[in-house]
C-alpha atoms as a PDB file:
ATOM      1  CA  UNK A   1      53.454 -67.572 -65.547  1.00  0.00           C
ATOM      2  CA  UNK A   2      56.039 -69.497 -67.562  1.00  0.00           C
ATOM      3  CA  UNK A   3      56.800 -66.435 -69.651  1.00  0.00           C
ATOM      4  CA  UNK A   4      57.309 -64.297 -66.543  1.00  0.00           C
ATOM      5  CA  UNK A   5      59.592 -66.927 -65.002  1.00  0.00           C
ATOM      6  CA  UNK A   6      61.621 -67.102 -68.212  1.00  0.00           C
ATOM      7  CA  UNK A   7      62.112 -63.331 -68.206  1.00  0.00           C
ATOM      8  CA  UNK A   8      63.233 -63.421 -64.579  1.00  0.00           C
ATOM      9  CA  UNK A   9      65.769 -66.159 -65.340  1.00  0.00           C
ATOM     10  CA  UNK A  10      67.113 -64.267 -68.338  1.00  0.00           C
ATOM     11  CA  UNK A  11      67.444 -61.099 -66.267  1.00  0.00           C
ATOM     12  CA  UNK A  12      69.268 -62.933 -63.477  1.00  0.00           C
ATOM     13  CA  UNK A  13      71.590 -64.631 -65.951  1.00  0.00           C
ATOM     14  CA  UNK A  14      72.417 -61.333 -67.643  1.00  0.00           C
ATOM     15  CA  UNK A  15      73.020 -59.597 -64.316  1.00  0.00           C
ATOM     16  CA  UNK A  16      75.260 -62.445 -63.214  1.00  0.00           C
ATOM     17  CA  UNK A  17      77.353 -62.291 -66.395  1.00  0.00           C
ATOM     18  CA  UNK A  18      77.716 -58.532 -66.092  1.00  0.00           C
ATOM     19  CA  UNK A  19      78.794 -58.856 -62.458  1.00  0.00           C
ATOM     20  CA  UNK A  20      81.493 -61.384 -63.347  1.00  0.00           C
ATOM     21  CA  UNK A  21      82.803 -59.753 -66.514  1.00  0.00           C
ATOM     22  CA  UNK A  22      83.588 -56.305 -65.180  1.00  0.00           C
ATOM     23  CA  UNK A  23      86.661 -54.121 -65.337  1.00  0.00           C
ATOM     24  CA  UNK A  24      88.556 -54.538 -62.102  1.00  0.00           C
ATOM     25  CA  UNK A  25      87.823 -58.232 -61.679  1.00  0.00           C
ATOM     26  CA  UNK A  26      90.921 -60.364 -61.267  1.00  0.00           C
ATOM     27  CA  UNK A  27      90.338 -63.595 -63.221  1.00  0.00           C
ATOM     28  CA  UNK A  28      94.042 -64.386 -62.820  1.00  0.00           C
ATOM     29  CA  UNK A  29      94.205 -63.870 -59.064  1.00  0.00           C
ATOM     30  CA  UNK A  30      95.275 -61.040 -56.812  1.00  0.00           C
ATOM     31  CA  UNK A  31      98.944 -61.957 -56.785  1.00  0.00           C
ATOM     32  CA  UNK A  32     101.861 -61.566 -59.161  1.00  0.00           C
ATOM     33  CA  UNK A  33     101.862 -65.287 -60.061  1.00  0.00           C
ATOM     34  CA  UNK A  34      98.684 -67.320 -60.470  1.00  0.00           C
ATOM     35  CA  UNK A  35      97.724 -70.770 -61.699  1.00  0.00           C
ATOM     36  CA  UNK A  36      94.647 -72.950 -61.820  1.00  0.00           C
ATOM     37  CA  UNK A  37      96.862 -76.033 -61.856  1.00  0.00           C
ATOM     38  CA  UNK A  38      96.919 -78.490 -58.980  1.00  0.00           C
ATOM     39  CA  UNK A  39      99.911 -78.159 -56.670  1.00  0.00           C
ATOM     40  CA  UNK A  40     101.054 -81.375 -55.015  1.00  0.00           C
ATOM     41  CA  UNK A  41     102.599 -80.543 -51.608  1.00  0.00           C
ATOM     42  CA  UNK A  42     104.254 -83.965 -51.543  1.00  0.00           C
ATOM     43  CA  UNK A  43     106.247 -83.426 -54.715  1.00  0.00           C
ATOM     44  CA  UNK A  44     109.999 -82.936 -54.272  1.00  0.00           C
ATOM     45  CA  UNK A  45     111.316 -79.397 -54.120  1.00  0.00           C
ATOM     46  CA  UNK A  46     112.322 -78.088 -57.523  1.00  0.00           C
ATOM     47  CA  UNK A  47     115.985 -78.342 -58.448  1.00  0.00           C
ATOM     48  CA  UNK A  48     116.600 -75.964 -61.370  1.00  0.00           C
ATOM     49  CA  UNK A  49     119.900 -76.368 -63.189  1.00  0.00           C
ATOM     50  CA  UNK A  50     119.588 -73.644 -65.828  1.00  0.00           C
ATOM     51  CA  UNK A  51     118.201 -70.203 -66.595  1.00  0.00           C
ATOM     52  CA  UNK A  52     117.282 -68.285 -69.745  1.00  0.00           C
ATOM     53  CA  UNK A  53     117.211 -64.480 -69.753  1.00  0.00           C
ATOM     54  CA  UNK A  54     114.780 -62.808 -72.160  1.00  0.00           C
ATOM     55  CA  UNK A  55     115.035 -59.141 -73.141  1.00  0.00           C
ATOM     56  CA  UNK A  56     111.630 -57.508 -73.549  1.00  0.00           C
ATOM     57  CA  UNK A  57     113.087 -54.778 -75.759  1.00  0.00           C
ATOM     58  CA  UNK A  58     115.278 -56.963 -77.962  1.00  0.00           C
ATOM     59  CA  UNK A  59     113.112 -55.888 -80.896  1.00  0.00           C
ATOM     60  CA  UNK A  60     111.641 -52.623 -79.653  1.00  0.00           C
ATOM     61  CA  UNK A  61     109.349 -53.889 -76.891  1.00  0.00           C
ATOM     62  CA  UNK A  62     106.301 -56.129 -76.679  1.00  0.00           C
ATOM     63  CA  UNK A  63     102.680 -55.080 -77.190  1.00  0.00           C
ATOM     64  CA  UNK A  64      99.808 -56.388 -75.077  1.00  0.00           C
ATOM     65  CA  UNK A  65      96.727 -56.503 -77.283  1.00  0.00           C
ATOM     66  CA  UNK A  66      93.547 -58.365 -76.386  1.00  0.00           C
ATOM     67  CA  UNK A  67      92.041 -61.055 -74.160  1.00  0.00           C
ATOM     68  CA  UNK A  68      93.555 -64.499 -73.695  1.00  0.00           C
ATOM     69  CA  UNK A  69      94.067 -66.459 -76.931  1.00  0.00           C
ATOM     70  CA  UNK A  70      93.003 -63.604 -79.204  1.00  0.00           C
ATOM     71  CA  UNK A  71      94.559 -63.874 -82.657  1.00  0.00           C
ATOM     72  CA  UNK A  72      96.236 -60.468 -82.274  1.00  0.00           C
ATOM     73  CA  UNK A  73      98.198 -61.454 -79.179  1.00  0.00           C
ATOM     74  CA  UNK A  74     101.976 -61.813 -79.188  1.00  0.00           C
ATOM     75  CA  UNK A  75     103.187 -65.363 -78.495  1.00  0.00           C
ATOM     76  CA  UNK A  76     106.903 -65.925 -77.994  1.00  0.00           C
ATOM     77  CA  UNK A  77     108.564 -69.321 -78.452  1.00  0.00           C
ATOM     78  CA  UNK A  78     111.974 -68.648 -76.923  1.00  0.00           C
ATOM     79  CA  UNK A  79     112.607 -71.534 -74.533  1.00  0.00           C
ATOM     80  CA  UNK A  80     112.983 -75.285 -74.714  1.00  0.00           C
ATOM     81  CA  UNK A  81     113.825 -77.835 -72.048  1.00  0.00           C
ATOM     82  CA  UNK A  82     112.159 -80.124 -69.535  1.00  0.00           C
ATOM     83  CA  UNK A  83     110.576 -78.067 -66.747  1.00  0.00           C
ATOM     84  CA  UNK A  84     110.096 -74.404 -65.843  1.00  0.00           C
ATOM     85  CA  UNK A  85     110.357 -74.029 -62.068  1.00  0.00           C
ATOM     86  CA  UNK A  86     110.307 -70.263 -61.581  1.00  0.00           C
ATOM     87  CA  UNK A  87     110.397 -66.824 -63.134  1.00  0.00           C
ATOM     88  CA  UNK A  88     111.860 -63.466 -62.198  1.00  0.00           C
ATOM     89  CA  UNK A  89     111.558 -60.002 -63.711  1.00  0.00           C
ATOM     90  CA  UNK A  90     113.808 -56.977 -63.467  1.00  0.00           C
ATOM     91  CA  UNK A  91     113.192 -53.353 -64.442  1.00  0.00           C
ATOM     92  CA  UNK A  92     110.071 -54.297 -66.419  1.00  0.00           C
ATOM     93  CA  UNK A  93     108.238 -51.164 -67.525  1.00  0.00           C
ATOM     94  CA  UNK A  94     104.596 -51.271 -68.588  1.00  0.00           C
ATOM     95  CA  UNK A  95     102.999 -48.323 -70.379  1.00  0.00           C
ATOM     96  CA  UNK A  96      99.228 -48.583 -70.640  1.00  0.00           C
ATOM     97  CA  UNK A  97      97.263 -47.156 -73.554  1.00  0.00           C
ATOM     98  CA  UNK A  98      94.067 -45.158 -73.139  1.00  0.00           C
ATOM     99  CA  UNK A  99      91.928 -46.323 -70.219  1.00  0.00           C
ATOM    100  CA  UNK A 100      93.694 -49.668 -69.829  1.00  0.00           C
ATOM    101  CA  UNK A 101      95.147 -50.369 -66.370  1.00  0.00           C
ATOM    102  CA  UNK A 102      98.684 -51.464 -65.566  1.00  0.00           C
ATOM    103  CA  UNK A 103      97.240 -54.440 -63.680  1.00  0.00           C
ATOM    104  CA  UNK A 104      95.610 -55.767 -66.851  1.00  0.00           C
ATOM    105  CA  UNK A 105      98.816 -56.582 -68.774  1.00  0.00           C
ATOM    106  CA  UNK A 106      99.508 -60.287 -68.228  1.00  0.00           C
ATOM    107  CA  UNK A 107     101.991 -62.918 -69.444  1.00  0.00           C
ATOM    108  CA  UNK A 108     100.973 -66.580 -69.630  1.00  0.00           C
ATOM    109  CA  UNK A 109     103.767 -69.166 -69.341  1.00  0.00           C
ATOM    110  CA  UNK A 110     102.961 -72.667 -70.561  1.00  0.00           C
ATOM    111  CA  UNK A 111     104.169 -75.651 -72.497  1.00  0.00           C
ATOM    112  CA  UNK A 112     103.343 -75.887 -76.208  1.00  0.00           C
ATOM    113  CA  UNK A 113      99.649 -76.439 -75.373  1.00  0.00           C
ATOM    114  CA  UNK A 114      99.293 -72.773 -74.467  1.00  0.00           C
ATOM    115  CA  UNK A 115      96.276 -71.998 -72.302  1.00  0.00           C
ATOM    116  CA  UNK A 116      95.212 -75.659 -72.599  1.00  0.00           C
ATOM    117  CA  UNK A 117      98.203 -76.590 -70.426  1.00  0.00           C
ATOM    118  CA  UNK A 118      96.604 -77.346 -67.029  1.00  0.00           C
ATOM    119  CA  UNK A 119      99.677 -76.004 -65.223  1.00  0.00           C
ATOM    120  CA  UNK A 120     100.043 -72.670 -66.967  1.00  0.00           C
ATOM    121  CA  UNK A 121     101.307 -69.810 -64.816  1.00  0.00           C
ATOM    122  CA  UNK A 122     100.225 -66.197 -65.302  1.00  0.00           C
ATOM    123  CA  UNK A 123     102.526 -63.309 -64.414  1.00  0.00           C
ATOM    124  CA  UNK A 124     101.057 -59.856 -63.735  1.00  0.00           C
ATOM    125  CA  UNK A 125     103.931 -57.538 -62.860  1.00  0.00           C
ATOM    126  CA  UNK A 126     101.606 -54.573 -62.223  1.00  0.00           C
ATOM    127  CA  UNK A 127      99.159 -56.409 -59.964  1.00  0.00           C
ATOM    128  CA  UNK A 128      97.263 -53.971 -57.752  1.00  0.00           C
ATOM    129  CA  UNK A 129      97.973 -50.955 -59.944  1.00  0.00           C
ATOM    130  CA  UNK A 130      94.392 -50.516 -61.076  1.00  0.00           C
ATOM    131  CA  UNK A 131      94.985 -47.332 -63.011  1.00  0.00           C
ATOM    132  CA  UNK A 132      96.354 -46.127 -66.330  1.00  0.00           C
ATOM    133  CA  UNK A 133      99.885 -44.839 -66.708  1.00  0.00           C
ATOM    134  CA  UNK A 134     103.440 -46.143 -66.568  1.00  0.00           C
ATOM    135  CA  UNK A 135     104.971 -48.442 -63.985  1.00  0.00           C
ATOM    136  CA  UNK A 136     108.307 -50.203 -63.536  1.00  0.00           C
ATOM    137  CA  UNK A 137     108.547 -53.454 -61.580  1.00  0.00           C
ATOM    138  CA  UNK A 138     111.053 -55.987 -60.284  1.00  0.00           C
ATOM    139  CA  UNK A 139     110.763 -59.260 -58.388  1.00  0.00           C
ATOM    140  CA  UNK A 140     114.118 -59.120 -56.617  1.00  0.00           C
ATOM    141  CA  UNK A 141     115.112 -62.498 -58.018  1.00  0.00           C
ATOM    142  CA  UNK A 142     113.512 -65.655 -59.365  1.00  0.00           C
ATOM    143  CA  UNK A 143     110.207 -66.621 -57.745  1.00  0.00           C
ATOM    144  CA  UNK A 144     110.139 -70.400 -57.359  1.00  0.00           C
ATOM    145  CA  UNK A 145     106.767 -71.919 -58.213  1.00  0.00           C
ATOM    146  CA  UNK A 146     106.668 -74.795 -55.726  1.00  0.00           C
ATOM    147  CA  UNK A 147     107.916 -72.556 -52.912  1.00  0.00           C
ATOM    148  CA  UNK A 148     104.710 -70.585 -53.469  1.00  0.00           C
ATOM    149  CA  UNK A 149     102.353 -73.576 -53.772  1.00  0.00           C
ATOM    150  CA  UNK A 150     102.230 -73.384 -57.555  1.00  0.00           C
ATOM    151  CA  UNK A 151     102.850 -76.271 -59.970  1.00  0.00           C
ATOM    152  CA  UNK A 152     105.904 -76.476 -62.189  1.00  0.00           C
ATOM    153  CA  UNK A 153     105.352 -76.178 -65.940  1.00  0.00           C
ATOM    154  CA  UNK A 154     106.281 -79.473 -67.589  1.00  0.00           C
ATOM    155  CA  UNK A 155     107.108 -79.635 -71.291  1.00  0.00           C
ATOM    156  CA  UNK A 156     105.385 -81.926 -73.745  1.00  0.00           C
ATOM    157  CA  UNK A 157     107.409 -84.348 -75.822  1.00  0.00           C
ATOM    158  CA  UNK A 158     108.472 -81.482 -78.099  1.00  0.00           C
ATOM    159  CA  UNK A 159     110.289 -79.796 -75.200  1.00  0.00           C
ATOM    160  CA  UNK A 160     108.875 -76.373 -76.109  1.00  0.00           C
ATOM    161  CA  UNK A 161     107.512 -73.572 -73.927  1.00  0.00           C
ATOM    162  CA  UNK A 162     105.701 -70.394 -74.871  1.00  0.00           C
ATOM    163  CA  UNK A 163     104.783 -67.008 -73.418  1.00  0.00           C
ATOM    164  CA  UNK A 164     101.564 -65.236 -74.424  1.00  0.00           C
ATOM    165  CA  UNK A 165     101.104 -61.516 -73.746  1.00  0.00           C
ATOM    166  CA  UNK A 166      97.448 -60.600 -73.200  1.00  0.00           C
ATOM    167  CA  UNK A 167      94.974 -58.410 -71.307  1.00  0.00           C
ATOM    168  CA  UNK A 168      92.910 -59.661 -68.370  1.00  0.00           C
ATOM    169  CA  UNK A 169      90.376 -57.003 -69.390  1.00  0.00           C
ATOM    170  CA  UNK A 170      90.337 -55.943 -73.024  1.00  0.00           C
ATOM    171  CA  UNK A 171      89.413 -52.266 -73.212  1.00  0.00           C
ATOM    172  CA  UNK A 172      89.510 -51.988 -77.013  1.00  0.00           C
ATOM    173  CA  UNK A 173      89.303 -55.111 -79.148  1.00  0.00           C
ATOM    174  CA  UNK A 174      91.844 -55.235 -81.943  1.00  0.00           C
ATOM    175  CA  UNK A 175      93.978 -52.467 -80.453  1.00  0.00           C
ATOM    176  CA  UNK A 176      97.062 -52.359 -78.242  1.00  0.00           C
ATOM    177  CA  UNK A 177      96.168 -51.819 -74.574  1.00  0.00           C
ATOM    178  CA  UNK A 178      99.706 -51.706 -73.166  1.00  0.00           C
ATOM    179  CA  UNK A 179     103.370 -51.944 -74.101  1.00  0.00           C
ATOM    180  CA  UNK A 180     106.286 -53.538 -72.281  1.00  0.00           C
ATOM    181  CA  UNK A 181     109.042 -51.016 -72.966  1.00  0.00           C
ATOM    182  CA  UNK A 182     111.955 -52.211 -70.828  1.00  0.00           C
ATOM    183  CA  UNK A 183     113.196 -55.039 -68.668  1.00  0.00           C
ATOM    184  CA  UNK A 184     114.233 -58.663 -68.633  1.00  0.00           C
ATOM    185  CA  UNK A 185     112.659 -61.974 -67.651  1.00  0.00           C
ATOM    186  CA  UNK A 186     114.724 -64.717 -66.041  1.00  0.00           C
ATOM    187  CA  UNK A 187     113.263 -68.184 -66.516  1.00  0.00           C
ATOM    188  CA  UNK A 188     114.626 -70.943 -64.271  1.00  0.00           C
ATOM    189  CA  UNK A 189     114.153 -74.657 -64.728  1.00  0.00           C
ATOM    190  CA  UNK A 190     115.566 -77.985 -65.759  1.00  0.00           C
ATOM    191  CA  UNK A 191     117.688 -78.252 -68.918  1.00  0.00           C
ATOM    192  CA  UNK A 192     116.430 -74.935 -70.278  1.00  0.00           C
ATOM    193  CA  UNK A 193     118.011 -73.299 -73.320  1.00  0.00           C
ATOM    194  CA  UNK A 194     117.112 -70.224 -75.312  1.00  0.00           C
ATOM    195  CA  UNK A 195     115.791 -70.930 -78.798  1.00  0.00           C
ATOM    196  CA  UNK A 196     116.234 -67.834 -80.979  1.00  0.00           C
ATOM    197  CA  UNK A 197     114.519 -67.985 -84.317  1.00  0.00           C
ATOM    198  CA  UNK A 198     111.448 -66.842 -86.267  1.00  0.00           C
ATOM    199  CA  UNK A 199     109.119 -67.534 -83.318  1.00  0.00           C
ATOM    200  CA  UNK A 200     111.190 -65.588 -80.797  1.00  0.00           C
ATOM    201  CA  UNK A 201     111.755 -61.838 -80.603  1.00  0.00           C
ATOM    202  CA  UNK A 202     113.153 -61.720 -77.060  1.00  0.00           C
ATOM    203  CA  UNK A 203     116.578 -63.182 -77.812  1.00  0.00           C
ATOM    204  CA  UNK A 204     119.351 -61.968 -80.078  1.00  0.00           C
ATOM    205  CA  UNK A 205     119.877 -63.514 -83.474  1.00  0.00           C
ATOM    206  CA  UNK A 206     121.466 -66.973 -83.471  1.00  0.00           C
ATOM    207  CA  UNK A 207     125.237 -66.828 -83.392  1.00  0.00           C
ATOM    208  CA  UNK A 208     126.801 -67.390 -86.785  1.00  0.00           C
ATOM    209  CA  UNK A 209     129.403 -70.171 -86.900  1.00  0.00           C
ATOM    210  CA  UNK A 210     132.955 -68.961 -87.413  1.00  0.00           C
ATOM    211  CA  UNK A 211     134.474 -69.791 -90.766  1.00  0.00           C
ATOM    212  CA  UNK A 212     137.358 -72.253 -90.502  1.00  0.00           C
ATOM    213  CA  UNK A 213     140.831 -70.843 -91.149  1.00  0.00           C
ATOM    214  CA  UNK A 214     143.165 -73.311 -92.872  1.00  0.00           C
ATOM    215  CA  UNK A 215     146.356 -73.879 -90.899  1.00  0.00           C
ATOM    216  CA  UNK A 216     149.726 -73.466 -92.634  1.00  0.00           C
ATOM    217  CA  UNK A 217     148.081 -72.735 -95.971  1.00  0.00           C
ATOM    218  CA  UNK A 218     150.597 -70.568 -97.843  1.00  0.00           C
ATOM    219  CA  UNK A 219     148.230 -69.918-100.716  1.00  0.00           C
ATOM    220  CA  UNK A 220     145.534 -68.632 -98.340  1.00  0.00           C
ATOM    221  CA  UNK A 221     148.054 -66.396 -96.566  1.00  0.00           C
ATOM    222  CA  UNK A 222     149.291 -65.028 -99.899  1.00  0.00           C
ATOM    223  CA  UNK A 223     145.707 -64.327-101.015  1.00  0.00           C
ATOM    224  CA  UNK A 224     145.021 -62.571 -97.713  1.00  0.00           C
ATOM    225  CA  UNK A 225     148.148 -60.414 -98.191  1.00  0.00           C
ATOM    226  CA  UNK A 226     147.037 -59.434-101.676  1.00  0.00           C
ATOM    227  CA  UNK A 227     143.566 -58.509-100.428  1.00  0.00           C
ATOM    228  CA  UNK A 228     145.036 -56.325 -97.680  1.00  0.00           C
ATOM    229  CA  UNK A 229     147.329 -54.585-100.166  1.00  0.00           C
ATOM    230  CA  UNK A 230     144.430 -54.123-102.523  1.00  0.00           C
ATOM    231  CA  UNK A 231     142.247 -52.591 -99.817  1.00  0.00           C
ATOM    232  CA  UNK A 232     145.085 -50.295 -98.776  1.00  0.00           C
ATOM    233  CA  UNK A 233     145.588 -49.186-102.348  1.00  0.00           C
ATOM    234  CA  UNK A 234     141.878 -48.583-102.745  1.00  0.00           C
ATOM    235  CA  UNK A 235     141.829 -46.502 -99.610  1.00  0.00           C
ATOM    236  CA  UNK A 236     144.807 -44.436-100.706  1.00  0.00           C
ATOM    237  CA  UNK A 237     143.376 -43.898-104.142  1.00  0.00           C
ATOM    238  CA  UNK A 238     139.991 -42.946-102.746  1.00  0.00           C
ATOM    239  CA  UNK A 239     141.201 -40.454-100.166  1.00  0.00           C
ATOM    240  CA  UNK A 240     144.272 -39.057-101.973  1.00  0.00           C
END
């Protein structure tokens, strides 16, 4: 009797896990933005004072690989500041690979804790497009979190935020399931700045400081004149 009961329990448990973990489930909600964080309706309305625009094709596009927190996933560290209060997207194109659906390519916005941040926000631009192919999407402006009963994302003491690109359903482990091939993200918040560097591929290279030009330096001007004459002579000699 005990053995039979054990087999029944195992069967029920297996059936339950299969029913939950199925392609087409929406673990990150049925809307474009989703969070499991607690929204406080009594908190003051957000007052963003800054935005950062990220270019998804700054370095040839962004790949969406595997499930949340997989080691293959792309994580971008492009923003620092105090609070993220909203996000918008414009002309964002998703191209799925193989049998992967457009609705399975997700971005997770969080502080430096990543998915351990209780107020992370997921963005699924292709929500509802449960099919393979190519789709282009826009939000028509920045979607404010608190206006939609979602919590703001608050930075840790390091002031850093991150974006993880992942699949809500991983069709092929260790392989790319989709690519973001065009578009921009506009991140709104408090005291936000873009932080280009090794951990960010969605912003241009950091601006190089201009070299100081000495004022009223006759020697420098004379050297510059000689270099110009030398270059001109070189050009004439080369193309004569």
